[in-house]
Amino acid sequence: MNTEMMAAVLYGKEHIQVEPVAVPGIGEGDVLVRVKAALTCGTDVKVFRRGYHARMIVPPAVFGHELAGDIVEVGAKVTKFRVGQRVVAANSAPCMQCFYCRKGLQNLCEDLLFNNGAYAEYIRIPARIVERNMYELPAEMSYQDAALAEPLACVLKGVEDSGLHAGDTVAVIGMGPIGLMFVRLAKAAGARVIALGRRQTQLSRAEMLGADELISTTDVESPVRAVQSLTGGRGADVAIEAVGKPQTWELAIHLVRKAGTVNFFGGCPSDSRVAVDTALLHYSEISCRASFHHTPALIQKALRLVRDGVITSRDFVNRQEPLANLLEVMRHLMSHNGHLKTAIIP
């Protein structure tokens, strides 16, 4: 095998270079995977725009984290996998020893191991992820479908944290890929879904995925009154913010009924602040949740949903591009907020 590969290296703010780098060496518990599909992600776009991610990546570094591929090399102590297997590897694995892991909160692990480097011909999967958060693909599952497992697992956590039940009315703000996944899963759970988005193309996709009512936030004077008019004046049972802006966090609080639940799923820029009406929260008994990341159990659940066809890449991935075009792809996604995913084929 070659000792060099092509990879997209992040050097800083809006600075990517696709260039030759050394193929990663592996340790005795690691595996080396040839990347067959790497999907773009809103987090990657944020990393590209800001030039770093405080918890996940410090430049210069190869980045990207939604992937599936083929094992081409295994470490001497790897027993669960072999060369030639088609696999999907999550981008993290918990330690299973710390306070939060023992509490069943592996997503908040004090030593959560992150892995990046999907925008490359090969990626090293560290031993801890090999052991706890990498899975063989069923023969019928495509690489692009499998690569959806990581973002889907995050959305599953948001659904679970929101306490969503069949018959609930759920308002989802933001119709990017994550918001659309919330629409699909909420509908699959038997909820009535109100989709709020800025662009008609986004709302049309939401309708295809099961949204019952559509609200264009650019066309209505008050999204709050629009949701109330669809819910007997009360508001939604659950509101999910999938944008990541302080103003939409504040909007979400006003979309729910008394004793409703708000999930602040979208991560805002660092040092953001929001203003809340304390009387509204208190006297209406509104519950506020936030959901971060995923757990190995949720990755497994996500893969089952993909296997069963509940979520498929044809609904969330609208084009393929070679690795050499990644800079152009990132610039396009940065200027077209909410655009569907692109599959990068190294």
C-alpha atoms as a PDB file:
ATOM      1  CA  MET A   1       0.000   0.000   0.000  1.00  0.00           C
ATOM      2  CA  ASN A   2       1.146   3.549  -0.688  1.00  0.00           C
ATOM      3  CA  THR A   3       2.769   5.470   2.136  1.00  0.00           C
ATOM      4  CA  GLU A   4       1.103   8.726   1.054  1.00  0.00           C
ATOM      5  CA  MET A   5      -2.538   9.667   0.581  1.00  0.00           C
ATOM      6  CA  MET A   6      -4.537  12.726  -0.394  1.00  0.00           C
ATOM      7  CA  ALA A   7      -6.288  14.451   2.491  1.00  0.00           C
ATOM      8  CA  ALA A   8      -8.030  17.734   3.282  1.00  0.00           C
ATOM      9  CA  VAL A   9      -5.992  19.561   5.916  1.00  0.00           C
ATOM     10  CA  LEU A  10      -7.584  22.376   7.895  1.00  0.00           C
ATOM     11  CA  TYR A  11      -5.022  25.104   8.564  1.00  0.00           C
ATOM     12  CA  GLY A  12      -7.292  27.791   9.970  1.00  0.00           C
ATOM     13  CA  LYS A  13     -10.278  29.993   9.237  1.00  0.00           C
ATOM     14  CA  GLU A  14     -11.667  29.078   5.786  1.00  0.00           C
ATOM     15  CA  HIS A  15      -8.283  27.576   4.929  1.00  0.00           C
ATOM     16  CA  ILE A  16      -8.326  24.028   3.569  1.00  0.00           C
ATOM     17  CA  GLN A  17      -5.669  22.405   1.417  1.00  0.00           C
ATOM     18  CA  VAL A  18      -6.130  19.023  -0.258  1.00  0.00           C
ATOM     19  CA  GLU A  19      -2.582  17.704  -0.308  1.00  0.00           C
ATOM     20  CA  PRO A  20      -0.431  14.600   0.076  1.00  0.00           C
ATOM     21  CA  VAL A  21       0.107  13.477   3.665  1.00  0.00           C
ATOM     22  CA  ALA A  22       1.420  10.303   5.232  1.00  0.00           C
ATOM     23  CA  VAL A  23      -1.008   7.402   5.524  1.00  0.00           C
ATOM     24  CA  PRO A  24      -1.704   7.070   9.273  1.00  0.00           C
ATOM     25  CA  GLY A  25       0.186   4.381  11.094  1.00  0.00           C
ATOM     26  CA  ILE A  26      -1.838   2.137  13.389  1.00  0.00           C
ATOM     27  CA  GLY A  27      -1.258   0.724  16.835  1.00  0.00           C
ATOM     28  CA  GLU A  28      -1.963  -2.791  18.016  1.00  0.00           C
ATOM     29  CA  GLY A  29      -5.628  -2.052  18.777  1.00  0.00           C
ATOM     30  CA  ASP A  30      -6.329   0.273  15.844  1.00  0.00           C
ATOM     31  CA  VAL A  31      -7.606  -0.336  12.332  1.00  0.00           C
ATOM     32  CA  LEU A  32      -6.997   1.523   9.079  1.00  0.00           C
ATOM     33  CA  VAL A  33     -10.059   2.196   6.943  1.00  0.00           C
ATOM     34  CA  ARG A  34     -10.180   3.221   3.307  1.00  0.00           C
ATOM     35  CA  VAL A  35     -12.867   5.897   3.209  1.00  0.00           C
ATOM     36  CA  LYS A  36     -15.577   5.116   0.660  1.00  0.00           C
ATOM     37  CA  ALA A  37     -17.931   7.964   1.580  1.00  0.00           C
ATOM     38  CA  ALA A  38     -17.578  10.966   3.890  1.00  0.00           C
ATOM     39  CA  LEU A  39     -20.599  13.218   4.385  1.00  0.00           C
ATOM     40  CA  THR A  40     -20.502  16.948   4.967  1.00  0.00           C
ATOM     41  CA  CYS A  41     -21.967  18.181   8.217  1.00  0.00           C
ATOM     42  CA  GLY A  42     -23.073  21.488   9.683  1.00  0.00           C
ATOM     43  CA  THR A  43     -20.414  21.089  12.372  1.00  0.00           C
ATOM     44  CA  ASP A  44     -17.738  20.738   9.691  1.00  0.00           C
ATOM     45  CA  VAL A  45     -18.986  23.932   8.063  1.00  0.00           C
ATOM     46  CA  LYS A  46     -18.730  25.714  11.435  1.00  0.00           C
ATOM     47  CA  VAL A  47     -15.209  24.334  11.902  1.00  0.00           C
ATOM     48  CA  PHE A  48     -14.290  25.556   8.416  1.00  0.00           C
ATOM     49  CA  ARG A  49     -15.724  29.016   9.111  1.00  0.00           C
ATOM     50  CA  ARG A  50     -14.083  29.378  12.541  1.00  0.00           C
ATOM     51  CA  GLY A  51     -10.877  27.498  11.790  1.00  0.00           C
ATOM     52  CA  TYR A  52     -11.033  25.175  14.796  1.00  0.00           C
ATOM     53  CA  HIS A  53     -13.281  23.299  17.228  1.00  0.00           C
ATOM     54  CA  ALA A  54     -12.323  23.648  20.871  1.00  0.00           C
ATOM     55  CA  ARG A  55     -13.242  20.057  21.755  1.00  0.00           C
ATOM     56  CA  MET A  56     -12.804  18.172  18.498  1.00  0.00           C
ATOM     57  CA  ILE A  57     -10.042  19.555  16.307  1.00  0.00           C
ATOM     58  CA  VAL A  58      -7.059  21.892  16.493  1.00  0.00           C
ATOM     59  CA  PRO A  59      -5.362  22.835  13.198  1.00  0.00           C
ATOM     60  CA  PRO A  60      -3.420  21.855  11.274  1.00  0.00           C
ATOM     61  CA  ALA A  61      -5.361  18.612  11.049  1.00  0.00           C
ATOM     62  CA  VAL A  62      -7.290  16.425   8.644  1.00  0.00           C
ATOM     63  CA  PHE A  63     -10.968  16.864   9.400  1.00  0.00           C
ATOM     64  CA  GLY A  64     -14.397  15.361   8.680  1.00  0.00           C
ATOM     65  CA  HIS A  65     -16.173  12.800  10.855  1.00  0.00           C
ATOM     66  CA  GLU A  66     -19.150  11.130   9.102  1.00  0.00           C
ATOM     67  CA  LEU A  67     -17.786   8.148   7.214  1.00  0.00           C
ATOM     68  CA  ALA A  68     -18.015   4.547   6.130  1.00  0.00           C
ATOM     69  CA  GLY A  69     -15.424   2.432   4.354  1.00  0.00           C
ATOM     70  CA  ASP A  70     -13.399  -0.764   4.096  1.00  0.00           C
ATOM     71  CA  ILE A  71     -10.866  -2.118   6.570  1.00  0.00           C
ATOM     72  CA  VAL A  72      -7.466  -2.427   4.897  1.00  0.00           C
ATOM     73  CA  GLU A  73      -5.255  -3.084   7.940  1.00  0.00           C
ATOM     74  CA  VAL A  74      -5.803  -4.257  11.518  1.00  0.00           C
ATOM     75  CA  GLY A  75      -3.582  -4.016  14.578  1.00  0.00           C
ATOM     76  CA  ALA A  76      -2.049  -7.127  16.111  1.00  0.00           C
ATOM     77  CA  LYS A  77      -4.518  -7.216  19.010  1.00  0.00           C
ATOM     78  CA  VAL A  78      -7.711  -6.561  17.027  1.00  0.00           C
ATOM     79  CA  THR A  79     -10.011  -9.599  17.265  1.00  0.00           C
ATOM     80  CA  LYS A  80     -13.470  -8.247  16.409  1.00  0.00           C
ATOM     81  CA  PHE A  81     -12.675  -7.122  12.864  1.00  0.00           C
ATOM     82  CA  ARG A  82     -10.708  -8.285   9.839  1.00  0.00           C
ATOM     83  CA  VAL A  83      -9.332  -6.859   6.612  1.00  0.00           C
ATOM     84  CA  GLY A  84     -11.983  -6.507   3.927  1.00  0.00           C
ATOM     85  CA  GLN A  85     -14.962  -5.785   6.178  1.00  0.00           C
ATOM     86  CA  ARG A  86     -17.242  -2.873   5.330  1.00  0.00           C
ATOM     87  CA  VAL A  87     -17.606  -0.733   8.456  1.00  0.00           C
ATOM     88  CA  VAL A  88     -18.952   2.480   9.882  1.00  0.00           C
ATOM     89  CA  ALA A  89     -16.976   4.098  12.684  1.00  0.00           C
ATOM     90  CA  ALA A  90     -18.467   6.691  14.994  1.00  0.00           C
ATOM     91  CA  ASN A  91     -16.435   9.815  15.670  1.00  0.00           C
ATOM     92  CA  SER A  92     -16.070   9.190  19.395  1.00  0.00           C
ATOM     93  CA  ALA A  93     -15.999   6.634  22.162  1.00  0.00           C
ATOM     94  CA  PRO A  94     -16.488   7.104  25.921  1.00  0.00           C
ATOM     95  CA  CYS A  95     -14.107   5.856  28.588  1.00  0.00           C
ATOM     96  CA  MET A  96     -16.839   3.941  30.513  1.00  0.00           C
ATOM     97  CA  GLN A  97     -14.986   4.668  33.777  1.00  0.00           C
ATOM     98  CA  CYS A  98     -15.660   8.297  34.705  1.00  0.00           C
ATOM     99  CA  PHE A  99     -18.477   9.773  36.806  1.00  0.00           C
ATOM    100  CA  TYR A 100     -20.710  10.516  33.811  1.00  0.00           C
ATOM    101  CA  CYS A 101     -20.159   7.183  32.083  1.00  0.00           C
ATOM    102  CA  ARG A 102     -21.130   5.394  35.296  1.00  0.00           C
ATOM    103  CA  LYS A 103     -24.286   7.529  35.342  1.00  0.00           C
ATOM    104  CA  GLY A 104     -25.163   6.318  31.829  1.00  0.00           C
ATOM    105  CA  LEU A 105     -24.268   9.718  30.309  1.00  0.00           C
ATOM    106  CA  GLN A 106     -21.532   8.536  27.964  1.00  0.00           C
ATOM    107  CA  ASN A 107     -22.033  11.569  25.702  1.00  0.00           C
ATOM    108  CA  LEU A 108     -20.744  13.720  28.586  1.00  0.00           C
ATOM    109  CA  CYS A 109     -17.738  11.469  29.265  1.00  0.00           C
ATOM    110  CA  GLU A 110     -14.905  13.337  30.983  1.00  0.00           C
ATOM    111  CA  ASP A 111     -12.436  11.639  28.634  1.00  0.00           C
ATOM    112  CA  LEU A 112     -14.535  11.422  25.473  1.00  0.00           C
ATOM    113  CA  LEU A 113     -12.197  10.394  22.654  1.00  0.00           C
ATOM    114  CA  PHE A 114     -12.952  12.223  19.390  1.00  0.00           C
ATOM    115  CA  ASN A 115     -11.696  11.140  15.990  1.00  0.00           C
ATOM    116  CA  ASN A 116     -11.468  13.263  12.844  1.00  0.00           C
ATOM    117  CA  GLY A 117      -9.966  12.724   9.431  1.00  0.00           C
ATOM    118  CA  ALA A 118     -12.766  11.453   7.199  1.00  0.00           C
ATOM    119  CA  TYR A 119     -11.914  13.804   4.320  1.00  0.00           C
ATOM    120  CA  ALA A 120      -9.021  11.611   3.234  1.00  0.00           C
ATOM    121  CA  GLU A 121      -8.295   8.395   1.399  1.00  0.00           C
ATOM    122  CA  TYR A 122      -7.602   6.572   4.660  1.00  0.00           C
ATOM    123  CA  ILE A 123      -8.424   7.137   8.313  1.00  0.00           C
ATOM    124  CA  ARG A 124      -7.045   5.542  11.456  1.00  0.00           C
ATOM    125  CA  ILE A 125      -9.746   4.329  13.827  1.00  0.00           C
ATOM    126  CA  PRO A 126      -8.330   4.365  17.391  1.00  0.00           C
ATOM    127  CA  ALA A 127      -8.544   1.244  19.523  1.00  0.00           C
ATOM    128  CA  ARG A 128     -11.207   2.594  21.863  1.00  0.00           C
ATOM    129  CA  ILE A 129     -13.572   3.345  18.958  1.00  0.00           C
ATOM    130  CA  VAL A 130     -12.736  -0.005  17.336  1.00  0.00           C
ATOM    131  CA  GLU A 131     -13.734  -1.737  20.551  1.00  0.00           C
ATOM    132  CA  ARG A 132     -16.789   0.327  21.516  1.00  0.00           C
ATOM    133  CA  ASN A 133     -18.190   2.254  18.558  1.00  0.00           C
ATOM    134  CA  MET A 134     -17.396   0.671  15.173  1.00  0.00           C
ATOM    135  CA  TYR A 135     -19.762  -1.693  13.352  1.00  0.00           C
ATOM    136  CA  GLU A 136     -19.807  -3.976  10.329  1.00  0.00           C
ATOM    137  CA  LEU A 137     -22.313  -2.968   7.654  1.00  0.00           C
ATOM    138  CA  PRO A 138     -25.061  -5.307   6.506  1.00  0.00           C
ATOM    139  CA  ALA A 139     -24.454  -6.402   2.911  1.00  0.00           C
ATOM    140  CA  GLU A 140     -27.448  -4.406   1.666  1.00  0.00           C
ATOM    141  CA  MET A 141     -26.466  -1.112   3.358  1.00  0.00           C
ATOM    142  CA  SER A 142     -24.678   1.485   1.214  1.00  0.00           C
ATOM    143  CA  TYR A 143     -21.700   3.472   2.466  1.00  0.00           C
ATOM    144  CA  GLN A 144     -23.636   6.748   2.214  1.00  0.00           C
ATOM    145  CA  ASP A 145     -26.571   5.350   4.180  1.00  0.00           C
ATOM    146  CA  ALA A 146     -24.207   4.047   6.864  1.00  0.00           C
ATOM    147  CA  ALA A 147     -22.389   7.375   7.159  1.00  0.00           C
ATOM    148  CA  LEU A 148     -25.686   8.954   8.295  1.00  0.00           C
ATOM    149  CA  ALA A 149     -25.517   6.994  11.549  1.00  0.00           C
ATOM    150  CA  GLU A 150     -23.522   9.631  13.452  1.00  0.00           C
ATOM    151  CA  PRO A 151     -25.804  12.650  12.870  1.00  0.00           C
ATOM    152  CA  LEU A 152     -28.868  10.429  13.165  1.00  0.00           C
ATOM    153  CA  ALA A 153     -27.697   9.193  16.578  1.00  0.00           C
ATOM    154  CA  CYS A 154     -27.419  12.810  17.725  1.00  0.00           C
ATOM    155  CA  VAL A 155     -30.982  13.466  16.558  1.00  0.00           C
ATOM    156  CA  LEU A 156     -32.201  10.326  18.308  1.00  0.00           C
ATOM    157  CA  LYS A 157     -30.785  11.710  21.535  1.00  0.00           C
ATOM    158  CA  GLY A 158     -32.714  14.935  20.921  1.00  0.00           C
ATOM    159  CA  VAL A 159     -35.924  12.989  20.364  1.00  0.00           C
ATOM    160  CA  GLU A 160     -35.421  10.967  23.544  1.00  0.00           C
ATOM    161  CA  ASP A 161     -34.484  14.015  25.627  1.00  0.00           C
ATOM    162  CA  SER A 162     -37.621  15.836  24.437  1.00  0.00           C
ATOM    163  CA  GLY A 163     -39.940  13.137  25.787  1.00  0.00           C
ATOM    164  CA  LEU A 164     -41.785  13.027  22.480  1.00  0.00           C
ATOM    165  CA  HIS A 165     -44.866  10.760  22.343  1.00  0.00           C
ATOM    166  CA  ALA A 166     -47.299   9.607  19.677  1.00  0.00           C
ATOM    167  CA  GLY A 167     -50.038  12.190  19.296  1.00  0.00           C
ATOM    168  CA  ASP A 168     -47.843  15.122  20.361  1.00  0.00           C
ATOM    169  CA  THR A 169     -47.566  18.228  18.222  1.00  0.00           C
ATOM    170  CA  VAL A 170     -43.918  19.011  17.540  1.00  0.00           C
ATOM    171  CA  ALA A 171     -42.638  22.285  16.099  1.00  0.00           C
ATOM    172  CA  VAL A 172     -39.219  21.974  14.447  1.00  0.00           C
ATOM    173  CA  ILE A 173     -37.287  25.184  13.703  1.00  0.00           C
ATOM    174  CA  GLY A 174     -34.675  24.903  10.965  1.00  0.00           C
ATOM    175  CA  MET A 175     -34.931  22.672   7.915  1.00  0.00           C
ATOM    176  CA  GLY A 176     -31.322  21.756   7.311  1.00  0.00           C
ATOM    177  CA  PRO A 177     -30.399  18.044   7.342  1.00  0.00           C
ATOM    178  CA  ILE A 178     -30.676  17.858  11.154  1.00  0.00           C
ATOM    179  CA  GLY A 179     -34.081  19.550  11.260  1.00  0.00           C
ATOM    180  CA  LEU A 180     -35.278  17.270   8.471  1.00  0.00           C
ATOM    181  CA  MET A 181     -34.151  14.228  10.453  1.00  0.00           C
ATOM    182  CA  PHE A 182     -36.184  15.509  13.398  1.00  0.00           C
ATOM    183  CA  VAL A 183     -39.198  15.847  11.103  1.00  0.00           C
ATOM    184  CA  ARG A 184     -38.780  12.283   9.853  1.00  0.00           C
ATOM    185  CA  LEU A 185     -38.266  10.730  13.284  1.00  0.00           C
ATOM    186  CA  ALA A 186     -41.054  12.721  14.935  1.00  0.00           C
ATOM    187  CA  LYS A 187     -43.467  11.658  12.206  1.00  0.00           C
ATOM    188  CA  ALA A 188     -42.300   8.040  12.483  1.00  0.00           C
ATOM    189  CA  ALA A 189     -43.024   8.251  16.228  1.00  0.00           C
ATOM    190  CA  GLY A 190     -46.628   9.240  15.515  1.00  0.00           C
ATOM    191  CA  ALA A 191     -46.362  12.966  16.189  1.00  0.00           C
ATOM    192  CA  ARG A 192     -47.995  15.806  14.310  1.00  0.00           C
ATOM    193  CA  VAL A 193     -45.149  17.896  12.896  1.00  0.00           C
ATOM    194  CA  ILE A 194     -45.082  21.634  12.218  1.00  0.00           C
ATOM    195  CA  ALA A 195     -42.014  22.595  10.181  1.00  0.00           C
ATOM    196  CA  LEU A 196     -40.647  26.140  10.370  1.00  0.00           C
ATOM    197  CA  GLY A 197     -38.093  27.190   7.774  1.00  0.00           C
ATOM    198  CA  ARG A 198     -36.911  30.136   5.726  1.00  0.00           C
ATOM    199  CA  ARG A 199     -36.889  28.682   2.221  1.00  0.00           C
ATOM    200  CA  GLN A 200     -39.677  27.009   0.283  1.00  0.00           C
ATOM    201  CA  THR A 201     -37.305  24.309  -0.973  1.00  0.00           C
ATOM    202  CA  GLN A 202     -36.532  23.351   2.627  1.00  0.00           C
ATOM    203  CA  LEU A 203     -40.208  23.295   3.550  1.00  0.00           C
ATOM    204  CA  SER A 204     -41.015  21.175   0.504  1.00  0.00           C
ATOM    205  CA  ARG A 205     -38.423  18.617   1.645  1.00  0.00           C
ATOM    206  CA  ALA A 206     -39.962  18.646   5.112  1.00  0.00           C
ATOM    207  CA  GLU A 207     -43.376  17.944   3.599  1.00  0.00           C
ATOM    208  CA  MET A 208     -41.917  14.996   1.660  1.00  0.00           C
ATOM    209  CA  LEU A 209     -40.543  13.615   4.923  1.00  0.00           C
ATOM    210  CA  GLY A 210     -43.897  13.851   6.687  1.00  0.00           C
ATOM    211  CA  ALA A 211     -44.397  17.384   8.013  1.00  0.00           C
ATOM    212  CA  ASP A 212     -48.110  18.059   8.486  1.00  0.00           C
ATOM    213  CA  GLU A 213     -47.975  21.873   8.443  1.00  0.00           C
ATOM    214  CA  LEU A 214     -45.410  24.243   6.978  1.00  0.00           C
ATOM    215  CA  ILE A 215     -44.606  27.753   8.196  1.00  0.00           C
ATOM    216  CA  SER A 216     -42.324  30.044   6.223  1.00  0.00           C
ATOM    217  CA  THR A 217     -40.643  32.260   8.811  1.00  0.00           C
ATOM    218  CA  THR A 218     -39.928  34.855   6.115  1.00  0.00           C
ATOM    219  CA  ASP A 219     -43.582  35.075   5.030  1.00  0.00           C
ATOM    220  CA  VAL A 220     -45.461  35.226   8.338  1.00  0.00           C
ATOM    221  CA  GLU A 221     -45.509  38.226  10.638  1.00  0.00           C
ATOM    222  CA  SER A 222     -45.312  36.094  13.768  1.00  0.00           C
ATOM    223  CA  PRO A 223     -44.196  32.442  13.787  1.00  0.00           C
ATOM    224  CA  VAL A 224     -45.513  32.209  17.342  1.00  0.00           C
ATOM    225  CA  ARG A 225     -49.040  33.199  16.352  1.00  0.00           C
ATOM    226  CA  ALA A 226     -48.807  30.924  13.312  1.00  0.00           C
ATOM    227  CA  VAL A 227     -48.031  27.919  15.531  1.00  0.00           C
ATOM    228  CA  GLN A 228     -50.709  28.926  18.033  1.00  0.00           C
ATOM    229  CA  SER A 229     -53.297  29.161  15.258  1.00  0.00           C
ATOM    230  CA  LEU A 230     -52.546  25.536  14.364  1.00  0.00           C
ATOM    231  CA  THR A 231     -52.789  24.328  17.979  1.00  0.00           C
ATOM    232  CA  GLY A 232     -56.000  25.849  19.312  1.00  0.00           C
ATOM    233  CA  GLY A 233     -54.119  28.861  20.653  1.00  0.00           C
ATOM    234  CA  ARG A 234     -52.045  26.770  23.062  1.00  0.00           C
ATOM    235  CA  GLY A 235     -48.754  26.134  21.267  1.00  0.00           C
ATOM    236  CA  ALA A 236     -46.867  22.933  20.496  1.00  0.00           C
ATOM    237  CA  ASP A 237     -46.228  20.149  22.995  1.00  0.00           C
ATOM    238  CA  VAL A 238     -42.560  20.127  21.982  1.00  0.00           C
ATOM    239  CA  ALA A 239     -40.395  22.676  20.164  1.00  0.00           C
ATOM    240  CA  ILE A 240     -37.024  21.684  18.740  1.00  0.00           C
ATOM    241  CA  GLU A 241     -34.488  24.351  17.792  1.00  0.00           C
ATOM    242  CA  ALA A 242     -32.232  22.987  15.028  1.00  0.00           C
ATOM    243  CA  VAL A 243     -30.609  26.218  13.857  1.00  0.00           C
ATOM    244  CA  GLY A 244     -28.107  27.234  16.526  1.00  0.00           C
ATOM    245  CA  LYS A 245     -28.803  30.964  16.836  1.00  0.00           C
ATOM    246  CA  PRO A 246     -29.747  32.869  20.025  1.00  0.00           C
ATOM    247  CA  GLN A 247     -32.804  34.433  18.365  1.00  0.00           C
ATOM    248  CA  THR A 248     -34.232  31.043  17.422  1.00  0.00           C
ATOM    249  CA  TRP A 249     -33.498  29.694  20.895  1.00  0.00           C
ATOM    250  CA  GLU A 250     -35.623  32.542  22.243  1.00  0.00           C
ATOM    251  CA  LEU A 251     -38.309  31.887  19.627  1.00  0.00           C
ATOM    252  CA  ALA A 252     -38.542  28.220  20.589  1.00  0.00           C
ATOM    253  CA  ILE A 253     -39.535  29.067  24.158  1.00  0.00           C
ATOM    254  CA  HIS A 254     -42.599  30.918  22.880  1.00  0.00           C
ATOM    255  CA  LEU A 255     -43.749  28.106  20.582  1.00  0.00           C
ATOM    256  CA  VAL A 256     -44.747  25.639  23.296  1.00  0.00           C
ATOM    257  CA  ARG A 257     -47.886  25.329  25.387  1.00  0.00           C
ATOM    258  CA  LYS A 258     -48.019  25.360  29.179  1.00  0.00           C
ATOM    259  CA  ALA A 259     -45.959  22.432  30.501  1.00  0.00           C
ATOM    260  CA  GLY A 260     -44.416  22.062  27.061  1.00  0.00           C
ATOM    261  CA  THR A 261     -40.811  21.051  26.385  1.00  0.00           C
ATOM    262  CA  VAL A 262     -38.180  23.005  24.466  1.00  0.00           C
ATOM    263  CA  ASN A 263     -35.072  21.287  23.131  1.00  0.00           C
ATOM    264  CA  PHE A 264     -32.171  23.592  22.321  1.00  0.00           C
ATOM    265  CA  PHE A 265     -30.475  21.210  19.910  1.00  0.00           C
ATOM    266  CA  GLY A 266     -28.584  23.680  17.717  1.00  0.00           C
ATOM    267  CA  GLY A 267     -25.284  24.799  19.206  1.00  0.00           C
ATOM    268  CA  CYS A 268     -24.817  28.590  19.223  1.00  0.00           C
ATOM    269  CA  PRO A 269     -21.475  30.363  18.763  1.00  0.00           C
ATOM    270  CA  SER A 270     -19.258  30.583  21.841  1.00  0.00           C
ATOM    271  CA  ASP A 271     -20.167  33.264  24.395  1.00  0.00           C
ATOM    272  CA  SER A 272     -23.741  33.535  23.059  1.00  0.00           C
ATOM    273  CA  ARG A 273     -26.417  34.692  25.473  1.00  0.00           C
ATOM    274  CA  VAL A 274     -30.205  34.475  25.329  1.00  0.00           C
ATOM    275  CA  ALA A 275     -32.894  36.423  27.162  1.00  0.00           C
ATOM    276  CA  VAL A 276     -35.729  34.424  28.693  1.00  0.00           C
ATOM    277  CA  ASP A 277     -39.032  35.507  30.179  1.00  0.00           C
ATOM    278  CA  THR A 278     -38.711  34.039  33.668  1.00  0.00           C
ATOM    279  CA  ALA A 279     -42.396  34.519  34.412  1.00  0.00           C
ATOM    280  CA  LEU A 280     -43.296  32.564  31.276  1.00  0.00           C
ATOM    281  CA  LEU A 281     -40.976  29.693  32.197  1.00  0.00           C
ATOM    282  CA  HIS A 282     -42.147  29.623  35.804  1.00  0.00           C
ATOM    283  CA  TYR A 283     -45.899  30.066  35.562  1.00  0.00           C
ATOM    284  CA  SER A 284     -46.251  27.995  32.406  1.00  0.00           C
ATOM    285  CA  GLU A 285     -43.983  25.233  33.767  1.00  0.00           C
ATOM    286  CA  ILE A 286     -41.954  25.068  30.581  1.00  0.00           C
ATOM    287  CA  SER A 287     -39.201  22.457  30.529  1.00  0.00           C
ATOM    288  CA  CYS A 288     -35.957  23.379  28.765  1.00  0.00           C
ATOM    289  CA  ARG A 289     -33.541  20.715  27.570  1.00  0.00           C
ATOM    290  CA  ALA A 290     -30.379  20.702  25.488  1.00  0.00           C
ATOM    291  CA  SER A 291     -28.976  17.663  23.694  1.00  0.00           C
ATOM    292  CA  PHE A 292     -25.320  17.068  22.874  1.00  0.00           C
ATOM    293  CA  HIS A 293     -23.667  14.348  20.828  1.00  0.00           C
ATOM    294  CA  HIS A 294     -24.529  10.643  21.058  1.00  0.00           C
ATOM    295  CA  THR A 295     -23.713   7.335  22.756  1.00  0.00           C
ATOM    296  CA  PRO A 296     -22.721   3.931  21.364  1.00  0.00           C
ATOM    297  CA  ALA A 297     -26.252   2.648  22.057  1.00  0.00           C
ATOM    298  CA  LEU A 298     -27.703   5.460  19.950  1.00  0.00           C
ATOM    299  CA  ILE A 299     -25.275   4.763  17.095  1.00  0.00           C
ATOM    300  CA  GLN A 300     -26.531   1.169  17.123  1.00  0.00           C
ATOM    301  CA  LYS A 301     -30.151   2.346  17.149  1.00  0.00           C
ATOM    302  CA  ALA A 302     -29.414   4.723  14.272  1.00  0.00           C
ATOM    303  CA  LEU A 303     -27.953   1.899  12.208  1.00  0.00           C
ATOM    304  CA  ARG A 304     -31.100  -0.162  12.801  1.00  0.00           C
ATOM    305  CA  LEU A 305     -33.259   2.716  11.543  1.00  0.00           C
ATOM    306  CA  VAL A 306     -31.052   3.051   8.461  1.00  0.00           C
ATOM    307  CA  ARG A 307     -31.194  -0.704   7.888  1.00  0.00           C
ATOM    308  CA  ASP A 308     -34.996  -0.605   8.121  1.00  0.00           C
ATOM    309  CA  GLY A 309     -35.228   2.269   5.639  1.00  0.00           C
ATOM    310  CA  VAL A 310     -36.648   4.826   8.082  1.00  0.00           C
ATOM    311  CA  ILE A 311     -33.744   7.133   7.182  1.00  0.00           C
ATOM    312  CA  THR A 312     -31.970   6.900   3.811  1.00  0.00           C
ATOM    313  CA  SER A 313     -29.272   8.963   2.153  1.00  0.00           C
ATOM    314  CA  ARG A 314     -31.482   9.804  -0.841  1.00  0.00           C
ATOM    315  CA  ASP A 315     -33.444  12.150   1.453  1.00  0.00           C
ATOM    316  CA  PHE A 316     -30.406  13.904   2.928  1.00  0.00           C
ATOM    317  CA  VAL A 317     -27.564  13.667   0.390  1.00  0.00           C
ATOM    318  CA  ASN A 318     -28.114  15.434  -2.915  1.00  0.00           C
ATOM    319  CA  ARG A 319     -24.754  15.214  -4.659  1.00  0.00           C
ATOM    320  CA  GLN A 320     -21.332  13.609  -4.782  1.00  0.00           C
ATOM    321  CA  GLU A 321     -18.007  15.372  -5.186  1.00  0.00           C
ATOM    322  CA  PRO A 322     -14.380  14.211  -5.263  1.00  0.00           C
ATOM    323  CA  LEU A 323     -12.086  15.096  -2.398  1.00  0.00           C
ATOM    324  CA  ALA A 324     -10.301  17.648  -4.595  1.00  0.00           C
ATOM    325  CA  ASN A 325     -13.483  19.776  -4.635  1.00  0.00           C
ATOM    326  CA  LEU A 326     -13.924  19.983  -0.858  1.00  0.00           C
ATOM    327  CA  LEU A 327     -12.952  23.664  -0.563  1.00  0.00           C
ATOM    328  CA  GLU A 328     -15.561  24.596  -3.159  1.00  0.00           C
ATOM    329  CA  VAL A 329     -18.136  22.417  -1.395  1.00  0.00           C
ATOM    330  CA  MET A 330     -17.473  24.055   1.988  1.00  0.00           C
ATOM    331  CA  ARG A 331     -17.736  27.540   0.547  1.00  0.00           C
ATOM    332  CA  HIS A 332     -21.030  26.597  -1.101  1.00  0.00           C
ATOM    333  CA  LEU A 333     -22.443  25.164   2.129  1.00  0.00           C
ATOM    334  CA  MET A 334     -21.307  28.211   4.089  1.00  0.00           C
ATOM    335  CA  SER A 335     -23.254  30.508   1.744  1.00  0.00           C
ATOM    336  CA  HIS A 336     -26.272  28.185   1.457  1.00  0.00           C
ATOM    337  CA  ASN A 337     -27.201  27.540   5.076  1.00  0.00           C
ATOM    338  CA  GLY A 338     -29.467  24.516   5.429  1.00  0.00           C
ATOM    339  CA  HIS A 339     -28.348  22.887   2.180  1.00  0.00           C
ATOM    340  CA  LEU A 340     -28.435  19.106   2.046  1.00  0.00           C
ATOM    341  CA  LYS A 341     -25.353  16.981   2.591  1.00  0.00           C
ATOM    342  CA  THR A 342     -22.689  16.302  -0.020  1.00  0.00           C
ATOM    343  CA  ALA A 343     -20.992  12.915  -0.203  1.00  0.00           C
ATOM    344  CA  ILE A 344     -17.242  13.327  -0.573  1.00  0.00           C
ATOM    345  CA  ILE A 345     -15.750  10.344  -2.419  1.00  0.00           C
ATOM    346  CA  PRO A 346     -11.961  10.277  -1.832  1.00  0.00           C
END
